[in-house]
N, C-alpha and C. Protein backbone atom coordinates (compact mmCIF):
# COMPACT_ATOMS: atom_id res chain seq x y z
N UNK A 1 0.83 -1.21 0.00
CA UNK A 1 0.00 0.00 0.00
C UNK A 1 0.87 1.25 0.00
N UNK A 2 1.90 1.20 0.84
CA UNK A 2 2.80 2.35 0.92
C UNK A 2 3.54 2.57 -0.39
N UNK A 3 3.92 1.48 -1.05
CA UNK A 3 4.65 1.59 -2.32
C UNK A 3 3.78 2.24 -3.39
N UNK A 4 2.52 1.89 -3.44
CA UNK A 4 1.63 2.48 -4.45
C UNK A 4 1.41 3.97 -4.20
N UNK A 5 1.37 4.36 -2.90
CA UNK A 5 1.21 5.77 -2.59
C UNK A 5 2.44 6.57 -3.01
N UNK A 6 3.62 5.95 -2.79
CA UNK A 6 4.86 6.62 -3.21
C UNK A 6 4.89 6.80 -4.72
N UNK A 7 4.46 5.78 -5.46
CA UNK A 7 4.42 5.87 -6.92
C UNK A 7 3.47 6.97 -7.37
N UNK A 8 2.30 7.08 -6.69
CA UNK A 8 1.33 8.13 -7.05
C UNK A 8 1.90 9.52 -6.79
N UNK A 9 2.62 9.65 -5.64
CA UNK A 9 3.23 10.94 -5.32
C UNK A 9 4.27 11.31 -6.38
N UNK A 10 5.08 10.34 -6.80
CA UNK A 10 6.08 10.59 -7.84
C UNK A 10 5.42 10.98 -9.16
N UNK A 11 4.34 10.27 -9.49
CA UNK A 11 3.64 10.59 -10.74
C UNK A 11 3.07 12.00 -10.69
N UNK A 12 2.46 12.36 -9.55
CA UNK A 12 1.88 13.71 -9.43
C UNK A 12 2.97 14.78 -9.48
N UNK A 13 4.11 14.46 -8.82
CA UNK A 13 5.22 15.42 -8.82
C UNK A 13 5.75 15.61 -10.24
N UNK A 14 5.88 14.50 -11.00
CA UNK A 14 6.34 14.59 -12.38
C UNK A 14 5.38 15.38 -13.24
N UNK A 15 4.09 15.18 -13.02
CA UNK A 15 3.10 15.92 -13.80
C UNK A 15 3.15 17.41 -13.47
N UNK A 16 3.38 17.71 -12.19
CA UNK A 16 3.48 19.12 -11.79
C UNK A 16 4.68 19.79 -12.44
N UNK A 17 5.83 19.08 -12.45
CA UNK A 17 7.03 19.63 -13.09
C UNK A 17 6.80 19.87 -14.57
N UNK A 18 6.18 18.92 -15.25
CA UNK A 18 5.88 19.09 -16.68
C UNK A 18 4.93 20.26 -16.90
N UNK A 19 3.96 20.40 -16.00
CA UNK A 19 3.00 21.50 -16.12
C UNK A 19 3.71 22.85 -15.95
N UNK A 20 4.57 22.96 -14.95
CA UNK A 20 5.29 24.20 -14.72
C UNK A 20 6.25 24.51 -15.87
N UNK A 21 6.89 23.47 -16.40
CA UNK A 21 7.79 23.67 -17.54
C UNK A 21 7.04 24.18 -18.75
N UNK A 22 5.86 23.62 -18.98
CA UNK A 22 5.04 24.08 -20.10
C UNK A 22 4.59 25.52 -19.90
N UNK A 23 4.36 25.91 -18.65
CA UNK A 23 3.95 27.28 -18.36
C UNK A 23 5.09 28.27 -18.57
N UNK A 24 6.34 27.83 -18.29
CA UNK A 24 7.49 28.72 -18.39
C UNK A 24 7.85 29.02 -19.84
N UNK A 25 7.67 28.07 -20.74
CA UNK A 25 8.07 28.23 -22.14
C UNK A 25 7.44 29.46 -22.80
N UNK A 26 6.12 29.67 -22.71
CA UNK A 26 5.56 30.91 -23.28
C UNK A 26 6.07 32.17 -22.58
N UNK A 27 6.45 32.04 -21.29
CA UNK A 27 6.95 33.21 -20.57
C UNK A 27 8.24 33.73 -21.19
N UNK A 28 9.10 32.83 -21.64
CA UNK A 28 10.33 33.25 -22.31
C UNK A 28 10.01 33.99 -23.61
N UNK A 29 9.03 33.50 -24.35
CA UNK A 29 8.62 34.19 -25.59
C UNK A 29 7.97 35.53 -25.28
N UNK A 30 7.23 35.60 -24.18
CA UNK A 30 6.62 36.86 -23.77
C UNK A 30 7.71 37.89 -23.47
N UNK A 31 8.76 37.46 -22.76
CA UNK A 31 9.86 38.37 -22.44
C UNK A 31 10.57 38.87 -23.70
N UNK A 32 10.84 37.94 -24.63
CA UNK A 32 11.50 38.33 -25.88
C UNK A 32 10.64 39.29 -26.70
N UNK A 33 9.35 39.02 -26.77
CA UNK A 33 8.45 39.89 -27.52
C UNK A 33 8.35 41.26 -26.88
N UNK A 34 8.35 41.30 -25.54
CA UNK A 34 8.33 42.57 -24.84
C UNK A 34 9.55 43.43 -25.16
N UNK A 35 10.72 42.77 -25.28
CA UNK A 35 11.94 43.51 -25.66
C UNK A 35 11.81 44.07 -27.07
N UNK A 36 11.22 43.31 -27.98
CA UNK A 36 11.01 43.79 -29.34
C UNK A 36 10.04 44.97 -29.37
N UNK A 37 9.00 44.90 -28.56
CA UNK A 37 8.04 46.01 -28.49
C UNK A 37 8.73 47.27 -27.98
N UNK A 38 9.58 47.12 -26.97
CA UNK A 38 10.27 48.28 -26.40
C UNK A 38 11.23 48.91 -27.40
N UNK A 39 12.02 48.07 -28.08
CA UNK A 39 12.98 48.61 -29.06
C UNK A 39 12.25 49.25 -30.25
N UNK A 40 11.14 48.64 -30.68
CA UNK A 40 10.37 49.20 -31.79
C UNK A 40 9.75 50.54 -31.41
N UNK A 41 9.25 50.63 -30.17
CA UNK A 41 8.68 51.88 -29.69
C UNK A 41 9.72 52.99 -29.64
N UNK A 42 10.93 52.65 -29.17
CA UNK A 42 12.02 53.64 -29.14
C UNK A 42 12.39 54.10 -30.54
N UNK A 43 12.47 53.15 -31.45
CA UNK A 43 12.80 53.48 -32.83
C UNK A 43 11.72 54.36 -33.46
N UNK A 44 10.47 54.05 -33.17
CA UNK A 44 9.37 54.85 -33.71
C UNK A 44 9.43 56.28 -33.18
N UNK A 45 9.76 56.44 -31.91
CA UNK A 45 9.89 57.78 -31.35
C UNK A 45 10.97 58.59 -32.04
N UNK A 46 12.09 57.94 -32.36
CA UNK A 46 13.17 58.64 -33.05
C UNK A 46 12.75 59.03 -34.47
N UNK A 47 12.03 58.16 -35.13
CA UNK A 47 11.58 58.46 -36.50
C UNK A 47 10.59 59.62 -36.48
N UNK A 48 9.70 59.65 -35.50
CA UNK A 48 8.75 60.76 -35.39
C UNK A 48 9.49 62.07 -35.15
N UNK A 49 10.50 62.05 -34.28
CA UNK A 49 11.31 63.25 -34.05
C UNK A 49 12.02 63.69 -35.32
N UNK A 50 12.50 62.71 -36.08
CA UNK A 50 13.17 63.02 -37.35
C UNK A 50 12.20 63.66 -38.34
N UNK A 51 10.98 63.15 -38.39
CA UNK A 51 9.96 63.72 -39.29
C UNK A 51 9.65 65.16 -38.91
N UNK A 52 9.56 65.43 -37.61
CA UNK A 52 9.29 66.81 -37.17
C UNK A 52 10.46 67.73 -37.51
N UNK A 53 11.67 67.23 -37.39
CA UNK A 53 12.84 68.04 -37.75
C UNK A 53 12.85 68.37 -39.24
N UNK A 54 12.55 67.36 -40.07
CA UNK A 54 12.50 67.60 -41.51
C UNK A 54 11.38 68.58 -41.88
N UNK A 55 10.26 68.47 -41.18
CA UNK A 55 9.16 69.41 -41.42
C UNK A 55 9.58 70.84 -41.08
N UNK A 56 10.31 70.99 -39.98
CA UNK A 56 10.79 72.32 -39.60
C UNK A 56 11.77 72.87 -40.64
N UNK A 57 12.70 72.00 -41.10
CA UNK A 57 13.66 72.44 -42.11
C UNK A 57 12.97 72.82 -43.41
N UNK A 58 11.95 72.05 -43.78
CA UNK A 58 11.21 72.36 -45.01
C UNK A 58 10.50 73.69 -44.89
N UNK A 59 9.90 73.96 -43.72
CA UNK A 59 9.24 75.24 -43.52
C UNK A 59 10.21 76.41 -43.61
N UNK A 60 11.40 76.22 -43.04
CA UNK A 60 12.41 77.28 -43.13
C UNK A 60 12.84 77.53 -44.57
N UNK A 61 12.96 76.45 -45.35
CA UNK A 61 13.38 76.61 -46.75
C UNK A 61 12.30 77.28 -47.58
N UNK A 62 11.05 76.98 -47.30
CA UNK A 62 9.96 77.55 -48.09
C UNK A 62 9.87 79.05 -47.91
N UNK A 63 10.11 79.52 -46.69
CA UNK A 63 9.94 80.94 -46.40
C UNK A 63 11.23 81.75 -46.53
N UNK A 64 12.23 81.17 -47.18
CA UNK A 64 13.45 81.94 -47.46
C UNK A 64 13.12 83.03 -48.49
N UNK A 65 13.51 84.26 -48.20
CA UNK A 65 13.18 85.37 -49.11
C UNK A 65 14.03 85.33 -50.38
N UNK A 66 15.35 85.26 -50.23
CA UNK A 66 16.23 85.24 -51.39
C UNK A 66 16.76 83.82 -51.58
N UNK A 67 16.06 83.05 -52.39
CA UNK A 67 16.42 81.64 -52.58
C UNK A 67 17.72 81.48 -53.35
N UNK A 68 18.12 82.49 -54.10
CA UNK A 68 19.35 82.38 -54.88
C UNK A 68 20.59 82.36 -54.00
N UNK A 69 20.47 82.86 -52.77
CA UNK A 69 21.61 82.88 -51.87
C UNK A 69 21.83 81.54 -51.17
N UNK A 70 20.87 80.66 -51.25
CA UNK A 70 20.98 79.33 -50.61
C UNK A 70 21.60 78.37 -51.60
N UNK A 71 22.77 77.80 -51.30
CA UNK A 71 23.40 76.85 -52.22
C UNK A 71 22.53 75.62 -52.46
N UNK A 72 22.38 75.27 -53.73
CA UNK A 72 21.60 74.08 -54.11
C UNK A 72 20.21 74.12 -53.50
N UNK A 73 19.54 75.25 -53.66
CA UNK A 73 18.23 75.42 -53.01
C UNK A 73 17.23 74.37 -53.48
N UNK A 74 17.06 74.24 -54.80
CA UNK A 74 16.07 73.30 -55.34
C UNK A 74 16.42 71.86 -54.96
N UNK A 75 17.71 71.52 -55.05
CA UNK A 75 18.14 70.18 -54.68
C UNK A 75 17.91 69.94 -53.20
N UNK A 76 18.17 70.95 -52.39
CA UNK A 76 17.99 70.82 -50.95
C UNK A 76 16.52 70.55 -50.61
N UNK A 77 15.60 71.32 -51.24
CA UNK A 77 14.18 71.11 -50.98
C UNK A 77 13.74 69.72 -51.46
N UNK A 78 14.25 69.32 -52.63
CA UNK A 78 13.90 68.00 -53.16
C UNK A 78 14.34 66.89 -52.21
N UNK A 79 15.55 67.00 -51.68
CA UNK A 79 16.06 65.98 -50.77
C UNK A 79 15.24 65.95 -49.48
N UNK A 80 14.91 67.12 -48.95
CA UNK A 80 14.12 67.16 -47.71
C UNK A 80 12.75 66.52 -47.91
N UNK A 81 12.10 66.83 -49.03
CA UNK A 81 10.78 66.24 -49.30
C UNK A 81 10.88 64.72 -49.46
N UNK A 82 11.93 64.28 -50.17
CA UNK A 82 12.11 62.84 -50.36
C UNK A 82 12.41 62.14 -49.04
N UNK A 83 13.24 62.75 -48.21
CA UNK A 83 13.53 62.17 -46.90
C UNK A 83 12.29 62.14 -46.03
N UNK A 84 11.48 63.18 -46.11
CA UNK A 84 10.23 63.22 -45.34
C UNK A 84 9.30 62.10 -45.77
N UNK A 85 9.26 61.82 -47.07
CA UNK A 85 8.43 60.72 -47.57
C UNK A 85 8.93 59.38 -47.04
N UNK A 86 10.25 59.19 -47.06
CA UNK A 86 10.83 57.94 -46.57
C UNK A 86 10.61 57.77 -45.06
N UNK A 87 10.78 58.85 -44.32
CA UNK A 87 10.59 58.78 -42.87
C UNK A 87 9.13 58.46 -42.54
N UNK A 88 8.20 59.03 -43.31
CA UNK A 88 6.78 58.73 -43.10
C UNK A 88 6.50 57.25 -43.35
N UNK A 89 7.07 56.71 -44.42
CA UNK A 89 6.90 55.28 -44.71
C UNK A 89 7.50 54.42 -43.61
N UNK A 90 8.66 54.84 -43.11
CA UNK A 90 9.29 54.09 -42.02
C UNK A 90 8.42 54.10 -40.76
N UNK A 91 7.82 55.24 -40.45
CA UNK A 91 6.98 55.32 -39.25
C UNK A 91 5.77 54.40 -39.37
N UNK A 92 5.21 54.31 -40.57
CA UNK A 92 4.06 53.42 -40.76
C UNK A 92 4.47 51.96 -40.62
N UNK A 93 5.64 51.62 -41.15
CA UNK A 93 6.15 50.25 -40.99
C UNK A 93 6.37 49.91 -39.52
N UNK A 94 6.93 50.85 -38.79
CA UNK A 94 7.19 50.62 -37.37
C UNK A 94 5.90 50.48 -36.58
N UNK A 95 4.88 51.26 -36.94
CA UNK A 95 3.59 51.12 -36.27
C UNK A 95 2.98 49.75 -36.52
N UNK A 96 3.09 49.28 -37.77
CA UNK A 96 2.57 47.94 -38.09
C UNK A 96 3.36 46.87 -37.36
N UNK A 97 4.68 47.04 -37.30
CA UNK A 97 5.52 46.04 -36.62
C UNK A 97 5.19 46.00 -35.13
N UNK A 98 5.03 47.17 -34.52
CA UNK A 98 4.72 47.19 -33.09
C UNK A 98 3.36 46.57 -32.80
N UNK A 99 2.37 46.87 -33.66
CA UNK A 99 1.05 46.25 -33.48
C UNK A 99 1.15 44.73 -33.64
N UNK A 100 1.96 44.28 -34.59
CA UNK A 100 2.13 42.84 -34.80
C UNK A 100 2.78 42.18 -33.59
N UNK A 101 3.78 42.84 -33.02
CA UNK A 101 4.42 42.29 -31.82
C UNK A 101 3.45 42.24 -30.65
N UNK A 102 2.56 43.22 -30.55
CA UNK A 102 1.56 43.20 -29.49
C UNK A 102 0.58 42.03 -29.69
N UNK A 103 0.21 41.78 -30.95
CA UNK A 103 -0.64 40.62 -31.22
C UNK A 103 0.06 39.33 -30.81
N UNK A 104 1.34 39.23 -31.17
CA UNK A 104 2.10 38.04 -30.76
C UNK A 104 2.18 37.91 -29.26
N UNK A 105 2.39 39.04 -28.58
CA UNK A 105 2.44 39.03 -27.12
C UNK A 105 1.13 38.52 -26.53
N UNK A 106 0.03 38.98 -27.10
CA UNK A 106 -1.27 38.50 -26.64
C UNK A 106 -1.46 37.01 -26.86
N UNK A 107 -0.96 36.51 -28.01
CA UNK A 107 -1.08 35.08 -28.29
C UNK A 107 -0.26 34.24 -27.30
N UNK A 108 0.93 34.72 -26.94
CA UNK A 108 1.76 33.97 -25.99
C UNK A 108 1.15 33.98 -24.59
N UNK A 109 0.54 35.10 -24.20
CA UNK A 109 -0.15 35.14 -22.91
C UNK A 109 -1.35 34.19 -22.93
N UNK A 110 -2.07 34.17 -24.04
CA UNK A 110 -3.20 33.25 -24.17
C UNK A 110 -2.74 31.81 -24.16
N UNK A 111 -1.55 31.56 -24.71
CA UNK A 111 -0.99 30.21 -24.66
C UNK A 111 -0.78 29.75 -23.23
N UNK A 112 -0.22 30.63 -22.38
CA UNK A 112 -0.02 30.29 -20.97
C UNK A 112 -1.35 30.01 -20.28
N UNK A 113 -2.36 30.80 -20.61
CA UNK A 113 -3.68 30.61 -20.00
C UNK A 113 -4.28 29.27 -20.41
N UNK A 114 -4.18 28.95 -21.70
CA UNK A 114 -4.76 27.67 -22.16
C UNK A 114 -3.98 26.47 -21.61
N UNK A 115 -2.67 26.63 -21.40
CA UNK A 115 -1.91 25.55 -20.76
C UNK A 115 -2.40 25.33 -19.34
N UNK A 116 -2.65 26.42 -18.62
CA UNK A 116 -3.17 26.30 -17.26
C UNK A 116 -4.54 25.63 -17.24
N UNK A 117 -5.40 26.03 -18.17
CA UNK A 117 -6.75 25.44 -18.23
C UNK A 117 -6.66 23.95 -18.57
N UNK A 118 -5.80 23.62 -19.56
CA UNK A 118 -5.66 22.22 -19.96
C UNK A 118 -5.07 21.38 -18.84
N UNK A 119 -4.14 21.96 -18.06
CA UNK A 119 -3.54 21.20 -16.97
C UNK A 119 -4.47 21.01 -15.79
N UNK A 120 -5.28 22.01 -15.50
CA UNK A 120 -6.16 21.94 -14.34
C UNK A 120 -7.40 21.10 -14.60
N UNK A 121 -7.98 21.24 -15.79
CA UNK A 121 -9.25 20.58 -16.07
C UNK A 121 -9.11 19.41 -17.05
N UNK A 122 -7.90 19.22 -17.56
CA UNK A 122 -7.64 18.11 -18.48
C UNK A 122 -8.56 18.14 -19.70
N UNK A 123 -8.72 19.34 -20.26
CA UNK A 123 -9.53 19.51 -21.47
C UNK A 123 -8.76 20.36 -22.48
N UNK A 124 -9.08 20.16 -23.74
CA UNK A 124 -8.46 20.96 -24.82
C UNK A 124 -6.93 21.01 -24.70
N UNK A 125 -6.34 19.85 -24.50
CA UNK A 125 -4.89 19.82 -24.32
C UNK A 125 -4.14 20.18 -25.61
N UNK A 126 -4.81 20.13 -26.73
CA UNK A 126 -4.19 20.47 -28.01
C UNK A 126 -4.21 21.96 -28.30
N UNK A 127 -5.04 22.73 -27.57
CA UNK A 127 -5.29 24.13 -27.90
C UNK A 127 -4.05 25.04 -27.77
N UNK A 128 -3.18 24.87 -26.76
CA UNK A 128 -2.03 25.78 -26.66
C UNK A 128 -1.09 25.75 -27.87
N UNK A 129 -1.04 24.60 -28.55
CA UNK A 129 -0.10 24.47 -29.67
C UNK A 129 -0.43 25.41 -30.82
N UNK A 130 -1.65 25.39 -31.38
CA UNK A 130 -1.94 26.33 -32.49
C UNK A 130 -1.88 27.79 -32.07
N UNK A 131 -2.27 28.10 -30.82
CA UNK A 131 -2.19 29.48 -30.35
C UNK A 131 -0.74 29.94 -30.29
N UNK A 132 0.15 29.07 -29.79
CA UNK A 132 1.57 29.40 -29.75
C UNK A 132 2.16 29.57 -31.14
N UNK A 133 1.74 28.73 -32.07
CA UNK A 133 2.23 28.85 -33.45
C UNK A 133 1.79 30.18 -34.07
N UNK A 134 0.55 30.57 -33.81
CA UNK A 134 0.06 31.86 -34.32
C UNK A 134 0.90 33.01 -33.75
N UNK A 135 1.23 32.93 -32.46
CA UNK A 135 2.08 33.95 -31.85
C UNK A 135 3.44 34.02 -32.51
N UNK A 136 4.03 32.86 -32.81
CA UNK A 136 5.33 32.83 -33.48
C UNK A 136 5.24 33.42 -34.88
N UNK A 137 4.14 33.16 -35.58
CA UNK A 137 3.95 33.74 -36.92
C UNK A 137 3.85 35.26 -36.85
N UNK A 138 3.16 35.77 -35.83
CA UNK A 138 3.12 37.22 -35.63
C UNK A 138 4.53 37.78 -35.42
N UNK A 139 5.31 37.05 -34.63
CA UNK A 139 6.68 37.46 -34.36
C UNK A 139 7.51 37.48 -35.63
N UNK A 140 7.32 36.47 -36.47
CA UNK A 140 8.04 36.40 -37.74
C UNK A 140 7.66 37.56 -38.66
N UNK A 141 6.37 37.84 -38.77
CA UNK A 141 5.92 38.94 -39.63
C UNK A 141 6.44 40.28 -39.14
N UNK A 142 6.40 40.49 -37.84
CA UNK A 142 6.92 41.73 -37.29
C UNK A 142 8.41 41.88 -37.54
N UNK A 143 9.16 40.79 -37.46
CA UNK A 143 10.59 40.84 -37.73
C UNK A 143 10.86 41.18 -39.20
N UNK A 144 10.05 40.66 -40.10
CA UNK A 144 10.21 41.00 -41.52
C UNK A 144 9.94 42.48 -41.76
N UNK A 145 8.94 43.02 -41.08
CA UNK A 145 8.66 44.45 -41.20
C UNK A 145 9.84 45.28 -40.68
N UNK A 146 10.45 44.82 -39.59
CA UNK A 146 11.60 45.54 -39.04
C UNK A 146 12.80 45.48 -39.98
N UNK A 147 12.98 44.35 -40.65
CA UNK A 147 14.06 44.24 -41.63
C UNK A 147 13.85 45.21 -42.79
N UNK A 148 12.61 45.32 -43.24
CA UNK A 148 12.30 46.26 -44.33
C UNK A 148 12.55 47.69 -43.88
N UNK A 149 12.15 48.02 -42.66
CA UNK A 149 12.37 49.37 -42.14
C UNK A 149 13.85 49.68 -41.99
N UNK A 150 14.63 48.68 -41.59
CA UNK A 150 16.07 48.88 -41.45
C UNK A 150 16.72 49.17 -42.79
N UNK A 151 16.30 48.47 -43.84
CA UNK A 151 16.85 48.73 -45.17
C UNK A 151 16.47 50.13 -45.65
N UNK A 152 15.26 50.58 -45.33
CA UNK A 152 14.85 51.93 -45.69
C UNK A 152 15.67 52.97 -44.92
N UNK A 153 15.97 52.68 -43.65
CA UNK A 153 16.78 53.60 -42.85
C UNK A 153 18.18 53.72 -43.44
N UNK A 154 18.74 52.60 -43.90
CA UNK A 154 20.06 52.63 -44.53
C UNK A 154 20.05 53.47 -45.80
N UNK A 155 19.01 53.29 -46.61
CA UNK A 155 18.90 54.08 -47.85
C UNK A 155 18.73 55.56 -47.54
N UNK A 156 18.00 55.89 -46.48
CA UNK A 156 17.81 57.28 -46.09
C UNK A 156 19.13 57.92 -45.69
N UNK A 157 19.90 57.21 -44.88
CA UNK A 157 21.20 57.73 -44.45
C UNK A 157 22.12 57.93 -45.64
N UNK A 158 22.13 56.96 -46.56
CA UNK A 158 22.99 57.07 -47.74
C UNK A 158 22.61 58.28 -48.59
N UNK A 159 21.31 58.50 -48.78
CA UNK A 159 20.85 59.63 -49.57
C UNK A 159 21.25 60.95 -48.92
N UNK A 160 21.10 61.05 -47.61
CA UNK A 160 21.45 62.29 -46.92
C UNK A 160 22.95 62.54 -46.96
N UNK A 161 23.74 61.49 -46.82
CA UNK A 161 25.19 61.65 -46.88
C UNK A 161 25.65 62.05 -48.29
N UNK A 162 24.99 61.49 -49.30
CA UNK A 162 25.33 61.88 -50.68
C UNK A 162 25.05 63.36 -50.92
N UNK A 163 23.91 63.84 -50.41
CA UNK A 163 23.61 65.26 -50.58
C UNK A 163 24.57 66.13 -49.78
N UNK A 164 24.95 65.68 -48.59
CA UNK A 164 25.90 66.45 -47.78
C UNK A 164 27.23 66.59 -48.51
N UNK A 165 27.66 65.49 -49.16
CA UNK A 165 28.91 65.56 -49.91
C UNK A 165 28.77 66.48 -51.13
N UNK A 166 27.64 66.42 -51.80
CA UNK A 166 27.41 67.30 -52.95
C UNK A 166 27.40 68.76 -52.51
N UNK A 167 26.79 69.04 -51.36
CA UNK A 167 26.78 70.40 -50.85
C UNK A 167 28.18 70.86 -50.47
N UNK A 168 28.96 69.94 -49.89
CA UNK A 168 30.34 70.28 -49.52
C UNK A 168 31.16 70.62 -50.76
N UNK A 169 30.96 69.88 -51.83
CA UNK A 169 31.69 70.18 -53.07
C UNK A 169 31.26 71.51 -53.67
N UNK A 170 30.03 71.92 -53.38
CA UNK A 170 29.53 73.18 -53.93
C UNK A 170 30.08 74.39 -53.17
N UNK A 171 30.19 74.27 -51.85
CA UNK A 171 30.53 75.44 -51.04
C UNK A 171 31.98 75.44 -50.56
N UNK A 172 32.62 74.27 -50.55
CA UNK A 172 33.99 74.20 -50.03
C UNK A 172 34.97 74.73 -51.07
N UNK A 173 36.13 75.23 -50.63
CA UNK A 173 37.16 75.68 -51.58
C UNK A 173 37.60 74.54 -52.49
N UNK A 174 37.93 74.89 -53.74
CA UNK A 174 38.30 73.87 -54.71
C UNK A 174 39.53 73.09 -54.29
N UNK A 175 40.50 73.77 -53.63
CA UNK A 175 41.70 73.05 -53.23
C UNK A 175 41.42 72.01 -52.16
N UNK A 176 40.35 72.22 -51.39
CA UNK A 176 39.97 71.22 -50.39
C UNK A 176 39.26 70.05 -51.07
N UNK A 177 38.33 70.36 -51.96
CA UNK A 177 37.57 69.32 -52.64
C UNK A 177 38.49 68.46 -53.51
N UNK A 178 39.50 69.10 -54.13
CA UNK A 178 40.39 68.36 -55.04
C UNK A 178 41.23 67.32 -54.32
N UNK A 179 41.31 67.39 -53.01
CA UNK A 179 42.10 66.41 -52.26
C UNK A 179 41.39 65.07 -52.11
N UNK A 180 40.14 65.01 -52.56
CA UNK A 180 39.36 63.78 -52.44
C UNK A 180 39.10 63.20 -53.82
N UNK A 181 39.39 61.90 -53.96
CA UNK A 181 39.14 61.23 -55.22
C UNK A 181 37.81 60.51 -55.23
N UNK A 182 37.14 60.48 -54.11
CA UNK A 182 35.81 59.86 -54.01
C UNK A 182 35.13 60.44 -52.80
N UNK A 183 33.86 60.19 -52.65
CA UNK A 183 33.10 60.74 -51.54
C UNK A 183 33.66 60.24 -50.21
N UNK A 184 34.13 61.19 -49.40
CA UNK A 184 34.59 60.84 -48.07
C UNK A 184 35.95 60.21 -48.01
N UNK A 185 36.68 60.08 -49.13
CA UNK A 185 38.00 59.47 -49.12
C UNK A 185 39.02 60.48 -49.61
N UNK A 186 40.16 60.53 -48.95
CA UNK A 186 41.17 61.52 -49.27
C UNK A 186 42.22 60.93 -50.20
N UNK A 187 42.74 61.75 -51.08
CA UNK A 187 43.80 61.31 -51.98
C UNK A 187 45.13 61.23 -51.23
N UNK A 188 46.04 60.47 -51.78
CA UNK A 188 47.39 60.43 -51.24
C UNK A 188 47.54 59.45 -50.11
N UNK A 189 48.58 59.64 -49.32
CA UNK A 189 48.91 58.70 -48.26
C UNK A 189 47.96 58.87 -47.09
N UNK A 190 47.96 57.87 -46.19
CA UNK A 190 47.05 57.87 -45.06
C UNK A 190 47.50 58.85 -43.98
N UNK A 191 48.72 59.37 -44.08
CA UNK A 191 49.20 60.25 -43.03
C UNK A 191 48.43 61.57 -42.98
N UNK A 192 47.73 61.92 -44.09
CA UNK A 192 46.94 63.14 -44.08
C UNK A 192 45.56 62.94 -43.47
N UNK A 193 45.14 61.70 -43.33
CA UNK A 193 43.78 61.43 -42.89
C UNK A 193 43.46 62.00 -41.52
N UNK A 194 44.32 61.83 -40.49
CA UNK A 194 43.97 62.38 -39.18
C UNK A 194 43.79 63.88 -39.20
N UNK A 195 44.64 64.60 -39.98
CA UNK A 195 44.54 66.05 -40.05
C UNK A 195 43.22 66.48 -40.67
N UNK A 196 42.81 65.81 -41.77
CA UNK A 196 41.54 66.16 -42.42
C UNK A 196 40.37 65.82 -41.50
N UNK A 197 40.46 64.67 -40.82
CA UNK A 197 39.39 64.27 -39.92
C UNK A 197 39.20 65.31 -38.82
N UNK A 198 40.32 65.81 -38.29
CA UNK A 198 40.23 66.81 -37.26
C UNK A 198 39.64 68.11 -37.78
N UNK A 199 40.04 68.46 -39.01
CA UNK A 199 39.52 69.70 -39.63
C UNK A 199 38.02 69.63 -39.85
N UNK A 200 37.54 68.42 -40.25
CA UNK A 200 36.13 68.27 -40.55
C UNK A 200 35.31 67.99 -39.30
N UNK A 201 35.97 67.95 -38.14
CA UNK A 201 35.21 67.74 -36.90
C UNK A 201 35.01 66.29 -36.57
N UNK A 202 35.86 65.40 -37.11
CA UNK A 202 35.71 63.98 -36.81
C UNK A 202 36.29 63.63 -35.47
N UNK A 203 36.15 62.36 -35.08
CA UNK A 203 36.65 61.91 -33.79
C UNK A 203 38.17 61.73 -33.84
């Protein structure tokens, strides 16, 4: 009699451990998704600030009285408008990604709830699996949106740097510009690089 009771206790203990392990697994996904939501929210805030800055710069350019005195005025306005369009697209992508991560977060929380219900009442034991898979799919879709936004951010930075170099060639003395054989690269030996970097305000 005592042996059978010990076996039952061991079986119950094993079932409890399995139940707790199953409960912990969605918690790890919840934590990871929460980190993605936080980083996406921070990135979205920066993009919104960038959009406001571009809007301010565009307003200043529009109300310039003597446009001929502004170097590359038309090009400057064109670049600002194009950057504003890209930043707007990026913000929409980030909003969709953050909403997708929230959906995934909700699915993982629901997975934990259904595991608890299945363990306590021994019903619908199959239900946590499809809910968890749906949450992972949300996570995958959100990650793809973030990858697309990252590529757009890279293109935006490249476009702005190209315009900055074009503006530098327009306003800088010819003897300074002639020292570069390509954008951002200096001609001649590397011994001149630290001096130029210091002159241009580099680290």
